[in-house]
Amino acid sequence: MTSLALPLDAALPSRARSRSAIVAAPMGERTDEELMRAYVGGDEAAFRELFARYAPIVYGMTRRHLKDEELAREITQQTFFKLHGARNDFRLDSKLRPWLLTIAMNLVREHWRKKKRRKHVDLDVERQQAPQAERSRLELAERALHVRAALEKLPPTQREVIELHWFQERPYREVAEIVGSTEGAVRVRAHRAYTKLKELLKEIAG
């Protein structure tokens, strides 16, 4: 692919239409991941289908965070340019939605950083109780290996929440939006994941 054309006008509502007019394109028969694999393989039609499927979702999410229609359109376009540029980095055994929406939210965060209006994220009880590394460099490295090994043993849905909440320091509200769940369900999933992670770390550390 030498160029990337994003049909924003076709995928998003006109400026005169209300937010309620945003409707995603029909899902079709292929999953997001099947489309992404085809797109990585050079299928431009697969990209267009992904764009039609997710542009309204990305636009709606960024508009809620930015409170600016034009800026949300710009971030939506940048998100898919980023996806295009990083398409070969996508793990083909991963879920597309969290990966794509994380790109979008990173762009939103970058916007606020430039405006010096980045929001402070409070750490809740589970975050505070997340496993802490020791101070020496050797112990830090060993602890990181233990954490990674423990994470690999968690169910994918729990590992996904841990990575977004703990490592990327995202609030539960944002994690829920990225993974397509409710904040309450994500909090429950995270609590179980942190509890299991501590047990696994104890086993690994011996």
N, C-alpha and C. Protein backbone atom coordinates (compact mmCIF):
# COMPACT_ATOMS: atom_id res chain seq x y z
N MET A 1 0.84 -1.19 0.00
CA MET A 1 0.00 0.00 0.00
C MET A 1 0.88 1.24 0.00
N THR A 2 0.74 2.06 -0.97
CA THR A 2 1.57 3.25 -1.06
C THR A 2 0.87 4.48 -0.54
N SER A 3 -0.45 4.44 -0.48
CA SER A 3 -1.20 5.60 0.01
C SER A 3 -2.38 5.12 0.83
N LEU A 4 -2.94 6.05 1.59
CA LEU A 4 -4.05 5.69 2.44
C LEU A 4 -5.10 6.79 2.35
N ALA A 5 -6.25 6.44 1.81
CA ALA A 5 -7.35 7.41 1.69
C ALA A 5 -8.42 7.03 2.70
N LEU A 6 -8.79 7.99 3.54
CA LEU A 6 -9.78 7.73 4.57
C LEU A 6 -11.09 8.40 4.20
N PRO A 7 -12.13 7.64 3.89
CA PRO A 7 -13.42 8.21 3.49
C PRO A 7 -14.22 8.70 4.69
N LEU A 8 -13.71 9.75 5.37
CA LEU A 8 -14.36 10.24 6.57
C LEU A 8 -15.79 10.68 6.32
N ASP A 9 -16.03 11.35 5.22
CA ASP A 9 -17.37 11.86 4.96
C ASP A 9 -18.39 10.73 4.83
N ALA A 10 -17.93 9.58 4.35
CA ALA A 10 -18.85 8.45 4.19
C ALA A 10 -19.07 7.73 5.52
N ALA A 11 -18.04 7.70 6.37
CA ALA A 11 -18.13 6.92 7.60
C ALA A 11 -18.70 7.72 8.76
N LEU A 12 -18.51 9.05 8.74
CA LEU A 12 -18.94 9.88 9.86
C LEU A 12 -20.09 10.79 9.43
N PRO A 13 -20.87 11.26 10.42
CA PRO A 13 -22.00 12.14 10.09
C PRO A 13 -21.51 13.51 9.65
N SER A 14 -22.32 14.19 8.86
CA SER A 14 -21.98 15.55 8.46
C SER A 14 -22.05 16.45 9.67
N ARG A 15 -21.45 17.64 9.59
CA ARG A 15 -21.41 18.55 10.72
C ARG A 15 -22.79 19.01 11.14
N ALA A 16 -23.74 18.93 10.23
CA ALA A 16 -25.08 19.40 10.53
C ALA A 16 -25.92 18.34 11.24
N ARG A 17 -25.44 17.10 11.26
CA ARG A 17 -26.21 16.02 11.85
C ARG A 17 -25.84 15.84 13.31
N SER A 18 -26.72 15.29 14.08
CA SER A 18 -26.49 15.12 15.51
C SER A 18 -25.65 13.89 15.78
N ARG A 19 -25.17 13.78 17.05
CA ARG A 19 -24.37 12.62 17.44
C ARG A 19 -25.17 11.34 17.31
N SER A 20 -26.46 11.42 17.55
CA SER A 20 -27.29 10.21 17.50
C SER A 20 -27.36 9.63 16.10
N ALA A 21 -26.90 10.40 15.09
CA ALA A 21 -26.97 9.91 13.72
C ALA A 21 -25.80 9.00 13.37
N ILE A 22 -24.82 8.86 14.29
CA ILE A 22 -23.66 8.03 14.00
C ILE A 22 -24.07 6.56 14.08
N VAL A 23 -23.97 5.87 12.97
CA VAL A 23 -24.35 4.46 12.93
C VAL A 23 -23.23 3.68 12.27
N ALA A 24 -22.74 2.64 12.93
CA ALA A 24 -21.65 1.85 12.36
C ALA A 24 -22.15 1.07 11.14
N ALA A 25 -21.25 0.82 10.23
CA ALA A 25 -21.59 0.05 9.04
C ALA A 25 -21.92 -1.39 9.43
N PRO A 26 -22.67 -2.11 8.60
CA PRO A 26 -22.97 -3.51 8.90
C PRO A 26 -21.69 -4.30 9.16
N MET A 27 -21.74 -5.20 10.13
CA MET A 27 -20.54 -5.88 10.58
C MET A 27 -19.99 -6.87 9.56
N GLY A 28 -20.82 -7.39 8.71
CA GLY A 28 -20.33 -8.34 7.72
C GLY A 28 -20.07 -9.69 8.37
N GLU A 29 -19.52 -10.58 7.60
CA GLU A 29 -19.32 -11.94 8.07
C GLU A 29 -17.95 -12.16 8.71
N ARG A 30 -16.96 -11.38 8.33
CA ARG A 30 -15.61 -11.58 8.87
C ARG A 30 -15.42 -10.86 10.20
N THR A 31 -14.66 -11.46 11.10
CA THR A 31 -14.37 -10.82 12.37
C THR A 31 -13.37 -9.68 12.17
N ASP A 32 -13.22 -8.84 13.19
CA ASP A 32 -12.23 -7.76 13.14
C ASP A 32 -10.84 -8.33 12.86
N GLU A 33 -10.53 -9.41 13.55
CA GLU A 33 -9.19 -9.98 13.44
C GLU A 33 -8.95 -10.60 12.06
N GLU A 34 -9.98 -11.19 11.49
CA GLU A 34 -9.85 -11.74 10.13
C GLU A 34 -9.62 -10.61 9.13
N LEU A 35 -10.34 -9.52 9.32
CA LEU A 35 -10.16 -8.36 8.44
C LEU A 35 -8.76 -7.78 8.59
N MET A 36 -8.27 -7.70 9.84
CA MET A 36 -6.95 -7.14 10.07
C MET A 36 -5.87 -8.01 9.44
N ARG A 37 -6.04 -9.33 9.55
CA ARG A 37 -5.06 -10.22 8.92
C ARG A 37 -5.05 -10.04 7.41
N ALA A 38 -6.24 -9.89 6.83
CA ALA A 38 -6.33 -9.67 5.39
C ALA A 38 -5.71 -8.33 5.01
N TYR A 39 -5.95 -7.33 5.82
CA TYR A 39 -5.39 -5.99 5.57
C TYR A 39 -3.87 -6.00 5.64
N VAL A 40 -3.32 -6.65 6.67
CA VAL A 40 -1.86 -6.76 6.78
C VAL A 40 -1.30 -7.47 5.56
N GLY A 41 -2.09 -8.40 5.01
CA GLY A 41 -1.65 -9.13 3.82
C GLY A 41 -1.80 -8.35 2.53
N GLY A 42 -2.32 -7.12 2.62
CA GLY A 42 -2.41 -6.28 1.43
C GLY A 42 -3.80 -6.07 0.87
N ASP A 43 -4.82 -6.52 1.57
CA ASP A 43 -6.20 -6.39 1.10
C ASP A 43 -6.75 -5.02 1.48
N GLU A 44 -6.79 -4.09 0.55
CA GLU A 44 -7.26 -2.73 0.83
C GLU A 44 -8.76 -2.70 1.13
N ALA A 45 -9.52 -3.62 0.55
CA ALA A 45 -10.95 -3.68 0.84
C ALA A 45 -11.19 -4.02 2.30
N ALA A 46 -10.31 -4.83 2.88
CA ALA A 46 -10.43 -5.18 4.30
C ALA A 46 -10.22 -3.94 5.16
N PHE A 47 -9.27 -3.10 4.76
CA PHE A 47 -9.06 -1.85 5.52
C PHE A 47 -10.30 -0.96 5.43
N ARG A 48 -10.88 -0.84 4.26
CA ARG A 48 -12.06 0.01 4.11
C ARG A 48 -13.21 -0.49 4.97
N GLU A 49 -13.33 -1.81 5.07
CA GLU A 49 -14.39 -2.37 5.90
C GLU A 49 -14.11 -2.10 7.39
N LEU A 50 -12.85 -2.22 7.78
CA LEU A 50 -12.48 -1.91 9.17
C LEU A 50 -12.74 -0.44 9.48
N PHE A 51 -12.41 0.41 8.52
CA PHE A 51 -12.62 1.84 8.74
C PHE A 51 -14.12 2.15 8.89
N ALA A 52 -14.94 1.57 8.02
CA ALA A 52 -16.38 1.78 8.10
C ALA A 52 -16.94 1.25 9.42
N ARG A 53 -16.34 0.19 9.91
CA ARG A 53 -16.81 -0.43 11.15
C ARG A 53 -16.41 0.37 12.38
N TYR A 54 -15.19 0.91 12.38
CA TYR A 54 -14.66 1.50 13.59
C TYR A 54 -14.53 3.02 13.60
N ALA A 55 -14.58 3.66 12.46
CA ALA A 55 -14.47 5.13 12.45
C ALA A 55 -15.56 5.78 13.31
N PRO A 56 -16.82 5.34 13.22
CA PRO A 56 -17.85 5.95 14.07
C PRO A 56 -17.60 5.72 15.56
N ILE A 57 -17.05 4.55 15.90
CA ILE A 57 -16.77 4.24 17.30
C ILE A 57 -15.64 5.11 17.81
N VAL A 58 -14.56 5.22 17.03
CA VAL A 58 -13.43 6.06 17.43
C VAL A 58 -13.86 7.52 17.52
N TYR A 59 -14.63 7.96 16.54
CA TYR A 59 -15.11 9.34 16.54
C TYR A 59 -15.97 9.63 17.77
N GLY A 60 -16.90 8.74 18.07
CA GLY A 60 -17.77 8.94 19.22
C GLY A 60 -16.99 8.99 20.52
N MET A 61 -16.02 8.10 20.67
CA MET A 61 -15.22 8.06 21.89
C MET A 61 -14.37 9.32 22.04
N THR A 62 -13.68 9.71 20.98
CA THR A 62 -12.80 10.88 21.07
C THR A 62 -13.61 12.17 21.22
N ARG A 63 -14.78 12.21 20.62
CA ARG A 63 -15.61 13.41 20.76
C ARG A 63 -16.06 13.58 22.21
N ARG A 64 -16.37 12.47 22.88
CA ARG A 64 -16.77 12.55 24.28
C ARG A 64 -15.63 13.07 25.14
N HIS A 65 -14.41 12.70 24.81
CA HIS A 65 -13.26 13.11 25.61
C HIS A 65 -12.79 14.52 25.27
N LEU A 66 -12.93 14.91 24.02
CA LEU A 66 -12.39 16.19 23.57
C LEU A 66 -13.41 17.31 23.56
N LYS A 67 -14.70 16.95 23.50
CA LYS A 67 -15.77 17.95 23.44
C LYS A 67 -15.61 18.88 22.25
N ASP A 68 -15.08 18.36 21.16
CA ASP A 68 -14.81 19.18 19.98
C ASP A 68 -14.98 18.30 18.74
N GLU A 69 -15.98 18.60 17.94
CA GLU A 69 -16.30 17.76 16.77
C GLU A 69 -15.17 17.74 15.75
N GLU A 70 -14.64 18.91 15.42
CA GLU A 70 -13.59 18.97 14.40
C GLU A 70 -12.33 18.25 14.87
N LEU A 71 -11.98 18.45 16.13
CA LEU A 71 -10.79 17.79 16.66
C LEU A 71 -10.99 16.28 16.72
N ALA A 72 -12.20 15.85 17.05
CA ALA A 72 -12.49 14.41 17.08
C ALA A 72 -12.34 13.81 15.68
N ARG A 73 -12.77 14.54 14.66
CA ARG A 73 -12.60 14.06 13.28
C ARG A 73 -11.11 13.93 12.95
N GLU A 74 -10.33 14.91 13.38
CA GLU A 74 -8.89 14.89 13.10
C GLU A 74 -8.23 13.71 13.80
N ILE A 75 -8.59 13.49 15.08
CA ILE A 75 -8.01 12.38 15.84
C ILE A 75 -8.43 11.04 15.24
N THR A 76 -9.68 10.96 14.76
CA THR A 76 -10.14 9.73 14.12
C THR A 76 -9.29 9.41 12.90
N GLN A 77 -9.04 10.42 12.10
CA GLN A 77 -8.21 10.21 10.90
C GLN A 77 -6.79 9.82 11.29
N GLN A 78 -6.22 10.50 12.30
CA GLN A 78 -4.87 10.17 12.75
C GLN A 78 -4.79 8.74 13.28
N THR A 79 -5.85 8.31 13.95
CA THR A 79 -5.87 6.95 14.49
C THR A 79 -5.69 5.91 13.40
N PHE A 80 -6.38 6.11 12.29
CA PHE A 80 -6.28 5.12 11.21
C PHE A 80 -4.99 5.26 10.42
N PHE A 81 -4.43 6.45 10.39
CA PHE A 81 -3.09 6.58 9.81
C PHE A 81 -2.08 5.84 10.67
N LYS A 82 -2.26 5.95 12.00
CA LYS A 82 -1.37 5.23 12.92
C LYS A 82 -1.53 3.73 12.75
N LEU A 83 -2.78 3.27 12.62
CA LEU A 83 -3.02 1.86 12.41
C LEU A 83 -2.34 1.39 11.14
N HIS A 84 -2.45 2.19 10.09
CA HIS A 84 -1.82 1.86 8.81
C HIS A 84 -0.31 1.74 8.98
N GLY A 85 0.28 2.72 9.69
CA GLY A 85 1.74 2.71 9.84
C GLY A 85 2.24 1.58 10.73
N ALA A 86 1.41 1.16 11.68
CA ALA A 86 1.84 0.13 12.64
C ALA A 86 1.23 -1.23 12.34
N ARG A 87 0.62 -1.39 11.17
CA ARG A 87 -0.12 -2.62 10.87
C ARG A 87 0.74 -3.88 10.99
N ASN A 88 2.02 -3.77 10.65
CA ASN A 88 2.89 -4.94 10.71
C ASN A 88 3.31 -5.28 12.14
N ASP A 89 3.03 -4.36 13.08
CA ASP A 89 3.33 -4.62 14.49
C ASP A 89 2.17 -5.30 15.21
N PHE A 90 1.03 -5.38 14.55
CA PHE A 90 -0.14 -5.97 15.19
C PHE A 90 0.06 -7.48 15.36
N ARG A 91 -0.14 -7.95 16.60
CA ARG A 91 -0.04 -9.39 16.87
C ARG A 91 -1.30 -10.05 16.35
N LEU A 92 -1.14 -10.96 15.43
CA LEU A 92 -2.29 -11.55 14.75
C LEU A 92 -3.13 -12.45 15.65
N ASP A 93 -2.62 -12.75 16.86
CA ASP A 93 -3.42 -13.52 17.81
C ASP A 93 -4.09 -12.62 18.84
N SER A 94 -4.01 -11.29 18.64
CA SER A 94 -4.58 -10.33 19.57
C SER A 94 -5.94 -9.85 19.08
N LYS A 95 -6.66 -9.17 19.98
CA LYS A 95 -7.93 -8.55 19.63
C LYS A 95 -7.66 -7.16 19.04
N LEU A 96 -8.39 -6.83 17.98
CA LEU A 96 -8.16 -5.55 17.32
C LEU A 96 -8.72 -4.37 18.09
N ARG A 97 -9.93 -4.51 18.63
CA ARG A 97 -10.61 -3.37 19.26
C ARG A 97 -9.77 -2.68 20.34
N PRO A 98 -9.22 -3.41 21.35
CA PRO A 98 -8.41 -2.73 22.36
C PRO A 98 -7.18 -2.05 21.77
N TRP A 99 -6.56 -2.70 20.80
CA TRP A 99 -5.36 -2.14 20.17
C TRP A 99 -5.68 -0.84 19.45
N LEU A 100 -6.75 -0.84 18.69
CA LEU A 100 -7.13 0.34 17.92
C LEU A 100 -7.58 1.48 18.83
N LEU A 101 -8.41 1.18 19.81
CA LEU A 101 -8.91 2.23 20.69
C LEU A 101 -7.81 2.77 21.61
N THR A 102 -6.82 1.94 21.90
CA THR A 102 -5.67 2.43 22.66
C THR A 102 -4.90 3.46 21.83
N ILE A 103 -4.75 3.21 20.54
CA ILE A 103 -4.11 4.19 19.66
C ILE A 103 -4.87 5.51 19.72
N ALA A 104 -6.18 5.45 19.62
CA ALA A 104 -7.00 6.66 19.65
C ALA A 104 -6.84 7.40 20.97
N MET A 105 -6.89 6.68 22.09
CA MET A 105 -6.78 7.34 23.39
C MET A 105 -5.39 7.89 23.62
N ASN A 106 -4.37 7.26 23.07
CA ASN A 106 -3.02 7.81 23.16
C ASN A 106 -2.93 9.16 22.44
N LEU A 107 -3.62 9.26 21.31
CA LEU A 107 -3.64 10.52 20.58
C LEU A 107 -4.40 11.59 21.36
N VAL A 108 -5.47 11.20 22.03
CA VAL A 108 -6.20 12.14 22.88
C VAL A 108 -5.31 12.63 24.01
N ARG A 109 -4.60 11.70 24.65
CA ARG A 109 -3.69 12.07 25.73
C ARG A 109 -2.58 13.00 25.23
N GLU A 110 -2.07 12.71 24.05
CA GLU A 110 -1.02 13.56 23.48
C GLU A 110 -1.54 14.98 23.26
N HIS A 111 -2.80 15.08 22.83
CA HIS A 111 -3.41 16.40 22.65
C HIS A 111 -3.44 17.17 23.97
N TRP A 112 -3.89 16.50 25.04
CA TRP A 112 -3.97 17.18 26.34
C TRP A 112 -2.59 17.53 26.87
N ARG A 113 -1.61 16.69 26.61
CA ARG A 113 -0.25 17.01 27.06
C ARG A 113 0.24 18.29 26.40
N LYS A 114 -0.03 18.39 25.10
CA LYS A 114 0.39 19.60 24.39
C LYS A 114 -0.31 20.83 24.93
N LYS A 115 -1.52 20.66 25.37
CA LYS A 115 -2.29 21.77 25.93
C LYS A 115 -2.01 21.96 27.42
N LYS A 116 -1.15 21.12 27.95
CA LYS A 116 -0.82 21.16 29.38
C LYS A 116 -2.06 21.00 30.25
N ARG A 117 -2.94 20.12 29.76
CA ARG A 117 -4.18 19.90 30.50
C ARG A 117 -4.40 18.42 30.78
N ARG A 118 -3.30 17.71 30.86
CA ARG A 118 -3.42 16.28 31.10
C ARG A 118 -4.05 16.02 32.46
N LYS A 119 -5.02 15.14 32.47
CA LYS A 119 -5.75 14.87 33.70
C LYS A 119 -4.95 13.96 34.63
N HIS A 120 -5.11 14.21 35.91
CA HIS A 120 -4.46 13.36 36.90
C HIS A 120 -5.31 12.11 37.11
N VAL A 121 -4.64 10.98 37.13
CA VAL A 121 -5.34 9.70 37.33
C VAL A 121 -5.08 9.23 38.76
N ASP A 122 -6.15 9.14 39.56
CA ASP A 122 -6.02 8.66 40.94
C ASP A 122 -5.81 7.15 40.93
N LEU A 123 -4.96 6.70 41.83
CA LEU A 123 -4.72 5.27 41.96
C LEU A 123 -5.68 4.71 43.00
N ASP A 124 -6.43 3.67 42.65
CA ASP A 124 -7.37 3.09 43.58
C ASP A 124 -6.71 1.98 44.39
N VAL A 125 -7.50 1.29 45.18
CA VAL A 125 -6.95 0.31 46.11
C VAL A 125 -6.19 -0.79 45.38
N GLU A 126 -6.80 -1.32 44.30
CA GLU A 126 -6.13 -2.40 43.58
C GLU A 126 -4.82 -1.93 42.98
N ARG A 127 -4.81 -0.72 42.46
CA ARG A 127 -3.59 -0.18 41.85
C ARG A 127 -2.50 -0.04 42.89
N GLN A 128 -2.88 0.44 44.09
CA GLN A 128 -1.90 0.62 45.14
C GLN A 128 -1.36 -0.71 45.63
N GLN A 129 -2.19 -1.76 45.53
CA GLN A 129 -1.78 -3.05 46.03
C GLN A 129 -1.12 -3.91 44.96
N ALA A 130 -0.93 -3.34 43.76
CA ALA A 130 -0.27 -4.09 42.70
C ALA A 130 1.16 -4.42 43.14
N PRO A 131 1.71 -5.54 42.70
CA PRO A 131 3.04 -5.96 43.14
C PRO A 131 4.07 -4.88 42.89
N GLN A 132 4.90 -4.60 43.88
CA GLN A 132 5.91 -3.56 43.79
C GLN A 132 7.29 -4.16 43.60
N ALA A 133 8.11 -3.54 42.76
CA ALA A 133 9.46 -4.04 42.51
C ALA A 133 10.41 -3.59 43.60
N GLU A 134 11.48 -4.35 43.83
CA GLU A 134 12.52 -3.97 44.78
C GLU A 134 13.39 -2.89 44.16
N ARG A 135 14.25 -2.29 44.95
CA ARG A 135 14.95 -1.10 44.49
C ARG A 135 16.23 -1.38 43.72
N SER A 136 16.93 -2.43 44.03
CA SER A 136 18.19 -2.65 43.33
C SER A 136 17.94 -3.02 41.88
N ARG A 137 18.88 -2.68 41.02
CA ARG A 137 18.72 -2.92 39.59
C ARG A 137 18.54 -4.41 39.30
N LEU A 138 19.31 -5.26 39.95
CA LEU A 138 19.21 -6.69 39.72
C LEU A 138 17.85 -7.22 40.17
N GLU A 139 17.41 -6.75 41.33
CA GLU A 139 16.12 -7.19 41.84
C GLU A 139 14.97 -6.67 40.98
N LEU A 140 15.12 -5.46 40.45
CA LEU A 140 14.12 -4.90 39.55
C LEU A 140 13.97 -5.77 38.30
N ALA A 141 15.10 -6.15 37.73
CA ALA A 141 15.08 -6.97 36.52
C ALA A 141 14.45 -8.33 36.81
N GLU A 142 14.83 -8.92 37.94
CA GLU A 142 14.28 -10.22 38.30
C GLU A 142 12.78 -10.13 38.56
N ARG A 143 12.38 -9.06 39.23
CA ARG A 143 10.96 -8.87 39.53
C ARG A 143 10.15 -8.70 38.25
N ALA A 144 10.72 -7.94 37.30
CA ALA A 144 10.03 -7.72 36.02
C ALA A 144 9.81 -9.04 35.28
N LEU A 145 10.81 -9.92 35.33
CA LEU A 145 10.68 -11.22 34.69
C LEU A 145 9.60 -12.05 35.37
N HIS A 146 9.55 -11.97 36.70
CA HIS A 146 8.53 -12.71 37.44
C HIS A 146 7.13 -12.21 37.09
N VAL A 147 6.99 -10.87 37.02
CA VAL A 147 5.68 -10.29 36.70
C VAL A 147 5.24 -10.70 35.30
N ARG A 148 6.16 -10.66 34.35
CA ARG A 148 5.82 -11.03 32.98
C ARG A 148 5.42 -12.51 32.92
N ALA A 149 6.14 -13.36 33.63
CA ALA A 149 5.82 -14.78 33.63
C ALA A 149 4.44 -15.02 34.27
N ALA A 150 4.15 -14.28 35.33
CA ALA A 150 2.84 -14.41 35.98
C ALA A 150 1.73 -13.91 35.08
N LEU A 151 1.95 -12.80 34.40
CA LEU A 151 0.95 -12.25 33.50
C LEU A 151 0.59 -13.24 32.40
N GLU A 152 1.58 -13.96 31.88
CA GLU A 152 1.32 -14.90 30.80
C GLU A 152 0.41 -16.04 31.24
N LYS A 153 0.31 -16.26 32.57
CA LYS A 153 -0.53 -17.34 33.08
C LYS A 153 -1.96 -16.88 33.35
N LEU A 154 -2.21 -15.58 33.26
CA LEU A 154 -3.56 -15.07 33.48
C LEU A 154 -4.42 -15.29 32.23
N PRO A 155 -5.74 -15.41 32.39
CA PRO A 155 -6.63 -15.45 31.23
C PRO A 155 -6.45 -14.17 30.41
N PRO A 156 -6.57 -14.24 29.09
CA PRO A 156 -6.36 -13.06 28.24
C PRO A 156 -7.18 -11.83 28.65
N THR A 157 -8.43 -12.04 29.07
CA THR A 157 -9.27 -10.89 29.43
C THR A 157 -8.76 -10.20 30.69
N GLN A 158 -8.22 -10.98 31.64
CA GLN A 158 -7.65 -10.39 32.85
C GLN A 158 -6.32 -9.72 32.55
N ARG A 159 -5.50 -10.36 31.73
CA ARG A 159 -4.20 -9.78 31.38
C ARG A 159 -4.38 -8.45 30.65
N GLU A 160 -5.37 -8.38 29.80
CA GLU A 160 -5.65 -7.16 29.05
C GLU A 160 -5.96 -6.00 29.99
N VAL A 161 -6.79 -6.25 31.00
CA VAL A 161 -7.16 -5.20 31.95
C VAL A 161 -5.95 -4.78 32.77
N ILE A 162 -5.13 -5.73 33.22
CA ILE A 162 -3.94 -5.42 34.00
C ILE A 162 -2.99 -4.52 33.21
N GLU A 163 -2.78 -4.89 31.95
CA GLU A 163 -1.84 -4.13 31.12
C GLU A 163 -2.32 -2.69 30.90
N LEU A 164 -3.62 -2.53 30.69
CA LEU A 164 -4.16 -1.20 30.47
C LEU A 164 -4.20 -0.38 31.76
N HIS A 165 -4.60 -1.03 32.86
CA HIS A 165 -4.79 -0.30 34.11
C HIS A 165 -3.49 -0.09 34.88
N TRP A 166 -2.69 -1.14 35.00
CA TRP A 166 -1.47 -1.06 35.80
C TRP A 166 -0.32 -0.44 34.99
N PHE A 167 0.01 -1.06 33.86
CA PHE A 167 1.18 -0.61 33.11
C PHE A 167 0.95 0.71 32.40
N GLN A 168 -0.23 0.90 31.81
CA GLN A 168 -0.50 2.14 31.09
C GLN A 168 -1.18 3.20 31.95
N GLU A 169 -1.48 2.85 33.20
CA GLU A 169 -2.05 3.77 34.18
C GLU A 169 -3.34 4.43 33.69
N ARG A 170 -4.18 3.62 33.07
CA ARG A 170 -5.46 4.13 32.59
C ARG A 170 -6.53 3.92 33.66
N PRO A 171 -7.43 4.90 33.85
CA PRO A 171 -8.52 4.72 34.82
C PRO A 171 -9.48 3.65 34.33
N TYR A 172 -10.24 3.07 35.26
CA TYR A 172 -11.15 1.99 34.89
C TYR A 172 -12.18 2.43 33.86
N ARG A 173 -12.63 3.66 33.96
CA ARG A 173 -13.62 4.16 32.99
C ARG A 173 -13.06 4.05 31.57
N GLU A 174 -11.80 4.42 31.41
CA GLU A 174 -11.18 4.39 30.09
C GLU A 174 -10.91 2.95 29.65
N VAL A 175 -10.48 2.11 30.58
CA VAL A 175 -10.24 0.70 30.26
C VAL A 175 -11.53 0.05 29.77
N ALA A 176 -12.64 0.35 30.46
CA ALA A 176 -13.93 -0.22 30.07
C ALA A 176 -14.30 0.19 28.65
N GLU A 177 -14.03 1.44 28.31
CA GLU A 177 -14.36 1.92 26.97
C GLU A 177 -13.52 1.20 25.92
N ILE A 178 -12.25 0.96 26.24
CA ILE A 178 -11.35 0.33 25.29
C ILE A 178 -11.71 -1.14 25.05
N VAL A 179 -12.03 -1.85 26.13
CA VAL A 179 -12.30 -3.28 25.97
C VAL A 179 -13.76 -3.58 25.66
N GLY A 180 -14.60 -2.53 25.64
CA GLY A 180 -16.00 -2.72 25.29
C GLY A 180 -16.82 -3.36 26.39
N SER A 181 -16.60 -2.93 27.65
CA SER A 181 -17.32 -3.47 28.77
C SER A 181 -17.78 -2.33 29.67
N THR A 182 -18.39 -2.67 30.82
CA THR A 182 -18.79 -1.64 31.77
C THR A 182 -17.68 -1.42 32.79
N GLU A 183 -17.69 -0.26 33.42
CA GLU A 183 -16.66 0.03 34.42
C GLU A 183 -16.74 -0.95 35.58
N GLY A 184 -17.98 -1.29 36.01
CA GLY A 184 -18.14 -2.23 37.12
C GLY A 184 -17.57 -3.59 36.79
N ALA A 185 -17.83 -4.07 35.58
CA ALA A 185 -17.32 -5.38 35.17
C ALA A 185 -15.80 -5.38 35.08
N VAL A 186 -15.25 -4.28 34.63
CA VAL A 186 -13.79 -4.16 34.52
C VAL A 186 -13.16 -4.14 35.90
N ARG A 187 -13.78 -3.46 36.85
CA ARG A 187 -13.25 -3.41 38.22
C ARG A 187 -13.24 -4.81 38.84
N VAL A 188 -14.30 -5.56 38.62
CA VAL A 188 -14.35 -6.93 39.14
C VAL A 188 -13.26 -7.78 38.49
N ARG A 189 -13.13 -7.65 37.18
CA ARG A 189 -12.11 -8.42 36.45
C ARG A 189 -10.70 -8.06 36.94
N ALA A 190 -10.47 -6.77 37.17
CA ALA A 190 -9.16 -6.33 37.63
C ALA A 190 -8.87 -6.83 39.04
N HIS A 191 -9.86 -6.78 39.92
CA HIS A 191 -9.67 -7.25 41.29
C HIS A 191 -9.27 -8.72 41.30
N ARG A 192 -9.99 -9.52 40.51
CA ARG A 192 -9.66 -10.95 40.43
C ARG A 192 -8.27 -11.15 39.83
N ALA A 193 -7.95 -10.33 38.83
CA ALA A 193 -6.65 -10.47 38.16
C ALA A 193 -5.51 -10.12 39.11
N TYR A 194 -5.65 -9.03 39.87
CA TYR A 194 -4.59 -8.64 40.82
C TYR A 194 -4.42 -9.69 41.91
N THR A 195 -5.54 -10.25 42.38
CA THR A 195 -5.47 -11.30 43.41
C THR A 195 -4.74 -12.52 42.87
N LYS A 196 -5.11 -12.94 41.66
CA LYS A 196 -4.46 -14.10 41.04
C LYS A 196 -3.00 -13.81 40.75
N LEU A 197 -2.70 -12.59 40.33
CA LEU A 197 -1.32 -12.22 40.00
C LEU A 197 -0.43 -12.32 41.24
N LYS A 198 -0.92 -11.88 42.38
CA LYS A 198 -0.14 -11.97 43.62
C LYS A 198 0.14 -13.42 43.98
N GLU A 199 -0.87 -14.28 43.81
CA GLU A 199 -0.69 -15.70 44.11
C GLU A 199 0.37 -16.30 43.19
N LEU A 200 0.29 -15.95 41.91
CA LEU A 200 1.25 -16.49 40.93
C LEU A 200 2.67 -15.99 41.23
N LEU A 201 2.80 -14.74 41.64
CA LEU A 201 4.12 -14.20 41.95
C LEU A 201 4.74 -14.91 43.15
N LYS A 202 3.91 -15.25 44.13
CA LYS A 202 4.41 -15.98 45.29
C LYS A 202 4.91 -17.36 44.88
N GLU A 203 4.16 -18.01 43.97
CA GLU A 203 4.57 -19.34 43.50
C GLU A 203 5.86 -19.26 42.71
N ILE A 204 5.97 -18.26 41.83
CA ILE A 204 7.16 -18.13 40.98
C ILE A 204 8.38 -17.78 41.82
N ALA A 205 8.19 -16.88 42.80
CA ALA A 205 9.31 -16.47 43.64
C ALA A 205 9.77 -17.60 44.56
N GLY A 206 8.85 -18.56 44.79
CA GLY A 206 9.20 -19.70 45.63
C GLY A 206 9.23 -19.36 47.10
